[in-house]
């Protein structure tokens, strides 16, 4: 009988989302290569690991390859199959290098805007008109929580029982708010995630939701577009174009969500506050942008 990967992973100190993802990947590898039979890794002459590497290499996306490699490396650590560890780590390093090369280099370009300037340009919502309310809150939320383009169709919920686990939500709690993230670019490798919104942002969010509810008593979404009336965003692309237009009007630069992410992470990583954080706290801060600490440091930190 196959050994329970859930139990092994659960005793290794991983987060719940990592345990869930690694368990899926390890079970799939077990179906193909019987990795729950530890002899595959404990026998010096066994070459089954080559078949595993060949399978991972055949996958379509880097993120998926890295998810399998992270899972198998953790499993190798747990069963102490040290003779194979470096082989898989070297393979993981190869794909990480390819991933990092896909990003722009870390030199600040002419479009880079200091995060303090972005924050100062989106301090509150302008409620002179409903159009201004929608647009200034969109800027407020997008700059403080630049989770790629995952904000465009985020729904509102006050109850976790009835949520669709394929959609994203702003969860209104008894005290405060959190984002429940089930659908974003790298959810397969990162895992589904929930994080609390900063307490200092609660009054603005509450004020916005109250204002919009006077126009849309049964509002389903957090963000709405405005064109001769309030309508939900119909795609991430339309949300992106709207955000770029608002950013250009405000900061007189051609900025994107990715530019905000780089500004956010550069400010965080280069701050004194960050230097005094534990590795776990740093990991949590980067997870708010739905990526790992290594991706933040290598891809988003602008020097």
Protein backbone atom coordinates (compact mmCIF):
# COMPACT_ATOMS: atom_id res chain seq x y z
CA UNK A 1 0.00 0.00 0.00
CA UNK A 2 1.30 3.47 -0.89
CA UNK A 3 2.52 5.49 2.03
CA UNK A 4 0.46 8.58 2.82
CA UNK A 5 2.22 11.58 1.32
CA UNK A 6 -0.16 13.86 3.24
CA UNK A 7 1.14 12.49 6.55
CA UNK A 8 4.78 12.76 5.50
CA UNK A 9 4.33 16.31 4.26
CA UNK A 10 2.23 17.29 7.26
CA UNK A 11 5.11 16.44 9.58
CA UNK A 12 7.60 18.50 7.57
CA UNK A 13 6.50 22.01 8.55
CA UNK A 14 5.06 23.00 5.15
CA UNK A 15 2.12 25.38 4.78
CA UNK A 16 -1.33 23.89 4.10
CA UNK A 17 -1.32 25.14 0.50
CA UNK A 18 2.11 23.59 -0.16
CA UNK A 19 1.05 20.28 1.40
CA UNK A 20 -2.01 20.18 -0.84
CA UNK A 21 -0.04 20.95 -4.00
CA UNK A 22 2.90 18.64 -3.22
CA UNK A 23 0.55 15.80 -2.35
CA UNK A 24 -1.13 16.08 -5.76
CA UNK A 25 2.21 16.07 -7.57
CA UNK A 26 3.65 13.19 -5.53
CA UNK A 27 0.56 11.06 -6.03
CA UNK A 28 0.77 11.61 -9.78
CA UNK A 29 4.45 10.63 -9.74
CA UNK A 30 3.58 7.60 -7.63
CA UNK A 31 1.02 6.46 -10.20
CA UNK A 32 3.67 6.66 -12.92
CA UNK A 33 6.84 5.63 -11.11
CA UNK A 34 5.83 4.03 -7.79
CA UNK A 35 7.87 6.53 -5.79
CA UNK A 36 6.22 5.46 -2.53
CA UNK A 37 8.56 2.47 -2.87
CA UNK A 38 11.55 4.17 -1.28
CA UNK A 39 13.98 1.69 -2.82
CA UNK A 40 13.76 3.74 -6.02
CA UNK A 41 15.75 6.43 -4.26
CA UNK A 42 17.63 4.44 -1.65
CA UNK A 43 19.32 1.99 -4.04
CA UNK A 44 22.46 3.47 -5.58
CA UNK A 45 22.09 1.62 -8.88
CA UNK A 46 18.41 2.42 -9.47
CA UNK A 47 18.01 4.67 -12.52
CA UNK A 48 14.26 5.31 -12.17
CA UNK A 49 15.05 8.92 -11.25
CA UNK A 50 16.08 9.47 -14.88
CA UNK A 51 12.56 8.56 -16.00
CA UNK A 52 11.14 11.04 -13.49
CA UNK A 53 13.39 13.82 -14.81
CA UNK A 54 12.44 12.95 -18.40
CA UNK A 55 8.74 13.13 -17.51
CA UNK A 56 9.12 16.52 -15.79
CA UNK A 57 11.10 17.86 -18.73
CA UNK A 58 8.25 16.84 -21.09
CA UNK A 59 5.71 19.08 -19.32
CA UNK A 60 4.48 22.21 -21.09
CA UNK A 61 5.11 24.99 -18.60
CA UNK A 62 8.00 26.00 -16.39
CA UNK A 63 5.67 26.58 -13.45
CA UNK A 64 4.37 23.02 -13.65
CA UNK A 65 7.89 21.61 -13.93
CA UNK A 66 8.97 23.59 -10.89
CA UNK A 67 5.93 22.42 -8.90
CA UNK A 68 6.87 18.77 -9.52
CA UNK A 69 10.53 19.41 -8.73
CA UNK A 70 9.72 21.24 -5.49
CA UNK A 71 7.51 18.34 -4.43
CA UNK A 72 10.00 15.59 -5.26
CA UNK A 73 12.88 17.48 -3.61
CA UNK A 74 10.85 17.82 -0.42
CA UNK A 75 10.02 14.08 -0.57
CA UNK A 76 13.71 13.23 -1.09
CA UNK A 77 14.59 15.36 1.93
CA UNK A 78 11.99 13.58 4.06
CA UNK A 79 13.12 10.05 3.15
CA UNK A 80 16.79 11.13 3.29
CA UNK A 81 17.68 9.97 -0.22
CA UNK A 82 20.63 12.38 -0.20
CA UNK A 83 22.42 10.83 -3.19
CA UNK A 84 19.69 12.13 -5.55
CA UNK A 85 19.01 15.48 -3.92
CA UNK A 86 21.59 17.52 -5.85
CA UNK A 87 20.47 16.01 -9.16
CA UNK A 88 16.92 17.31 -8.71
CA UNK A 89 18.08 20.63 -7.23
CA UNK A 90 20.33 21.19 -10.23
CA UNK A 91 17.34 20.54 -12.51
CA UNK A 92 15.21 22.97 -10.49
CA UNK A 93 17.94 25.62 -10.72
CA UNK A 94 17.95 25.21 -14.49
CA UNK A 95 14.22 25.98 -14.75
CA UNK A 96 14.42 28.82 -12.24
CA UNK A 97 17.11 30.46 -14.37
CA UNK A 98 14.88 30.17 -17.42
CA UNK A 99 12.00 31.68 -15.44
CA UNK A 100 14.09 34.59 -14.23
CA UNK A 101 15.39 35.28 -17.75
CA UNK A 102 11.82 35.78 -18.89
CA UNK A 103 11.60 38.92 -16.76
CA UNK A 104 13.15 42.28 -17.52
CA UNK A 105 16.49 42.86 -15.89
CA UNK A 106 16.59 44.49 -12.49
CA UNK A 107 17.76 47.92 -13.61
CA UNK A 108 15.29 50.71 -12.94
CA UNK A 109 13.96 51.94 -16.26
CA UNK A 110 12.42 55.27 -17.20
CA UNK A 111 8.96 53.96 -16.28
CA UNK A 112 9.91 53.06 -12.72
CA UNK A 113 7.98 55.06 -10.11
CA UNK A 114 8.90 54.95 -6.45
CA UNK A 115 6.19 53.17 -4.48
CA UNK A 116 5.81 56.09 -2.05
CA UNK A 117 4.81 58.25 -5.02
CA UNK A 118 2.24 55.69 -6.14
CA UNK A 119 0.76 55.55 -2.65
CA UNK A 120 0.64 59.33 -2.36
CA UNK A 121 -1.24 59.49 -5.65
CA UNK A 122 -3.98 57.14 -4.44
CA UNK A 123 -4.60 58.00 -0.81
CA UNK A 124 -8.40 57.87 -0.72
CA UNK A 125 -11.51 57.70 -2.89
CA UNK A 126 -13.00 60.72 -4.58
CA UNK A 127 -16.76 60.47 -3.98
CA UNK A 128 -17.83 63.63 -5.85
CA UNK A 129 -19.51 61.34 -8.39
CA UNK A 130 -20.04 57.60 -8.69
CA UNK A 131 -17.62 57.56 -11.66
CA UNK A 132 -14.89 59.16 -9.54
CA UNK A 133 -15.66 56.78 -6.70
CA UNK A 134 -15.25 53.72 -8.93
CA UNK A 135 -12.07 54.95 -10.58
CA UNK A 136 -10.25 56.28 -7.53
CA UNK A 137 -11.07 53.16 -5.51
CA UNK A 138 -9.81 51.00 -8.37
CA UNK A 139 -6.50 52.88 -8.16
CA UNK A 140 -6.50 52.66 -4.37
CA UNK A 141 -6.96 48.89 -4.35
CA UNK A 142 -4.76 48.12 -7.35
CA UNK A 143 -1.77 50.01 -5.96
CA UNK A 144 -2.05 48.62 -2.44
CA UNK A 145 -2.75 45.04 -3.53
CA UNK A 146 -1.17 44.57 -6.98
CA UNK A 147 -2.07 40.88 -7.31
CA UNK A 148 -1.52 40.83 -11.07
CA UNK A 149 -4.84 41.26 -12.90
CA UNK A 150 -6.74 39.09 -10.43
CA UNK A 151 -8.83 41.97 -9.10
CA UNK A 152 -10.96 42.47 -12.20
CA UNK A 153 -13.75 40.00 -11.35
CA UNK A 154 -13.30 39.66 -7.60
CA UNK A 155 -16.58 38.94 -5.88
CA UNK A 156 -17.89 39.96 -2.47
CA UNK A 157 -18.84 37.44 0.20
CA UNK A 158 -19.79 37.55 3.86
CA UNK A 159 -19.94 33.78 4.19
CA UNK A 160 -17.30 31.21 3.26
CA UNK A 161 -19.80 28.35 3.11
CA UNK A 162 -21.21 29.17 -0.30
CA UNK A 163 -18.12 30.37 -2.15
CA UNK A 164 -17.02 28.88 -5.47
CA UNK A 165 -13.48 27.57 -5.02
CA UNK A 166 -12.60 28.53 -8.62
CA UNK A 167 -13.22 32.27 -8.06
CA UNK A 168 -11.65 35.13 -6.11
CA UNK A 169 -13.38 36.97 -3.27
CA UNK A 170 -13.20 39.94 -0.98
CA UNK A 171 -14.32 38.31 2.26
CA UNK A 172 -16.07 40.74 4.62
CA UNK A 173 -15.32 39.48 8.11
CA UNK A 174 -16.76 40.50 11.48
CA UNK A 175 -13.69 42.66 11.81
CA UNK A 176 -11.75 43.49 8.69
CA UNK A 177 -11.38 42.03 5.21
CA UNK A 178 -9.38 39.36 3.45
CA UNK A 179 -8.78 38.25 -0.12
CA UNK A 180 -9.59 34.62 -0.91
CA UNK A 181 -7.53 33.81 -3.98
CA UNK A 182 -8.52 30.68 -5.92
CA UNK A 183 -7.87 31.81 -9.48
CA UNK A 184 -4.66 33.52 -10.56
CA UNK A 185 -1.79 33.01 -12.98
CA UNK A 186 0.38 30.63 -10.95
CA UNK A 187 -2.21 29.04 -8.67
CA UNK A 188 -1.07 25.53 -9.71
CA UNK A 189 2.44 26.04 -8.42
CA UNK A 190 1.71 28.56 -5.64
CA UNK A 191 -1.48 27.04 -4.25
CA UNK A 192 -4.74 28.76 -3.29
CA UNK A 193 -4.23 31.52 -0.77
CA UNK A 194 -6.02 33.84 1.66
CA UNK A 195 -4.54 36.93 3.26
CA UNK A 196 -5.83 39.80 5.40
CA UNK A 197 -6.01 43.35 4.13
CA UNK A 198 -4.17 46.00 6.15
CA UNK A 199 -6.23 47.52 8.95
CA UNK A 200 -5.35 51.04 7.82
CA UNK A 201 -7.26 50.36 4.57
CA UNK A 202 -10.49 49.18 6.22
CA UNK A 203 -12.21 52.61 6.50
CA UNK A 204 -11.71 53.38 2.79
CA UNK A 205 -12.97 49.93 1.76
CA UNK A 206 -16.00 50.22 4.04
CA UNK A 207 -16.82 53.70 2.72
CA UNK A 208 -16.53 52.51 -0.88
CA UNK A 209 -18.73 49.44 -0.42
CA UNK A 210 -21.36 51.55 1.33
CA UNK A 211 -21.38 54.16 -1.45
CA UNK A 212 -21.65 51.57 -4.24
CA UNK A 213 -24.42 49.72 -2.40
CA UNK A 214 -26.64 52.81 -2.67
CA UNK A 215 -26.47 52.41 -6.48
CA UNK A 216 -26.23 48.61 -6.61
CA UNK A 217 -28.06 47.17 -3.59
CA UNK A 218 -27.10 43.62 -4.58
CA UNK A 219 -23.56 44.27 -5.68
CA UNK A 220 -21.75 41.06 -6.60
CA UNK A 221 -18.33 42.39 -7.59
CA UNK A 222 -15.79 44.61 -5.86
CA UNK A 223 -14.74 46.67 -8.90
CA UNK A 224 -16.90 48.16 -11.62
CA UNK A 225 -16.20 50.00 -14.85
CA UNK A 226 -18.07 53.15 -15.81
CA UNK A 227 -19.41 53.88 -19.26
CA UNK A 228 -22.77 55.64 -19.23
CA UNK A 229 -23.49 53.66 -16.08
CA UNK A 230 -21.96 51.09 -13.75
CA UNK A 231 -21.01 47.77 -15.35
CA UNK A 232 -18.80 44.89 -14.17
CA UNK A 233 -15.47 44.41 -15.91
CA UNK A 234 -15.92 41.76 -18.57
CA UNK A 235 -12.27 40.66 -18.86
CA UNK A 236 -8.84 41.07 -17.31
CA UNK A 237 -7.75 42.85 -20.50
CA UNK A 238 -10.42 45.56 -20.14
CA UNK A 239 -9.47 46.01 -16.47
CA UNK A 240 -5.80 46.29 -17.49
CA UNK A 241 -6.52 48.93 -20.14
CA UNK A 242 -8.62 50.93 -17.70
CA UNK A 243 -5.92 50.78 -15.01
CA UNK A 244 -3.20 51.86 -17.47
CA UNK A 245 -5.32 54.82 -18.53
CA UNK A 246 -5.91 55.91 -14.93
CA UNK A 247 -2.21 55.52 -14.07
CA UNK A 248 -1.15 57.57 -17.08
CA UNK A 249 -3.61 60.35 -16.22
CA UNK A 250 -2.36 60.45 -12.65
CA UNK A 251 1.39 59.89 -12.98
CA UNK A 252 2.02 60.99 -16.60
CA UNK A 253 3.76 57.68 -17.38
CA UNK A 254 2.89 54.52 -19.27
CA UNK A 255 2.55 52.17 -16.28
CA UNK A 256 1.15 48.66 -15.95
CA UNK A 257 0.19 46.35 -13.12
CA UNK A 258 3.62 44.72 -13.44
CA UNK A 259 5.26 48.13 -12.93
CA UNK A 260 3.28 48.55 -9.72
CA UNK A 261 4.41 45.09 -8.57
CA UNK A 262 8.05 45.97 -9.19
CA UNK A 263 7.67 49.25 -7.33
CA UNK A 264 5.92 47.51 -4.42
CA UNK A 265 8.52 44.77 -4.05
CA UNK A 266 11.49 47.12 -4.48
CA UNK A 267 10.16 49.34 -1.70
CA UNK A 268 9.60 46.34 0.56
CA UNK A 269 12.91 44.54 -0.04
CA UNK A 270 15.03 47.67 0.28
CA UNK A 271 13.33 48.87 3.49
CA UNK A 272 14.83 48.69 6.98
CA UNK A 273 11.63 46.97 8.12
CA UNK A 274 12.30 44.08 5.73
CA UNK A 275 15.85 43.58 7.00
CA UNK A 276 14.50 42.98 10.51
CA UNK A 277 11.88 40.42 9.40
CA UNK A 278 12.30 36.69 9.89
CA UNK A 279 12.36 34.51 6.76
CA UNK A 280 8.80 33.44 7.52
CA UNK A 281 7.54 37.02 7.76
CA UNK A 282 9.33 37.92 4.53
CA UNK A 283 7.69 34.93 2.85
CA UNK A 284 4.24 36.10 4.04
CA UNK A 285 4.81 39.62 2.74
CA UNK A 286 5.78 38.38 -0.71
CA UNK A 287 2.88 35.93 -0.74
CA UNK A 288 0.52 38.93 -0.73
CA UNK A 289 1.57 39.40 -4.35
CA UNK A 290 1.00 35.68 -4.99
CA UNK A 291 4.58 34.70 -5.62
CA UNK A 292 7.55 33.41 -3.67
CA UNK A 293 10.33 35.34 -1.94
CA UNK A 294 12.86 34.09 -4.51
CA UNK A 295 10.76 35.41 -7.41
CA UNK A 296 10.37 38.75 -5.63
CA UNK A 297 14.09 39.15 -5.03
CA UNK A 298 15.25 37.93 -8.43
CA UNK A 299 12.54 39.30 -10.70
CA UNK A 300 10.76 42.24 -9.10
CA UNK A 301 13.34 43.96 -6.93
CA UNK A 302 14.65 46.93 -8.93
CA UNK A 303 18.10 48.11 -7.87
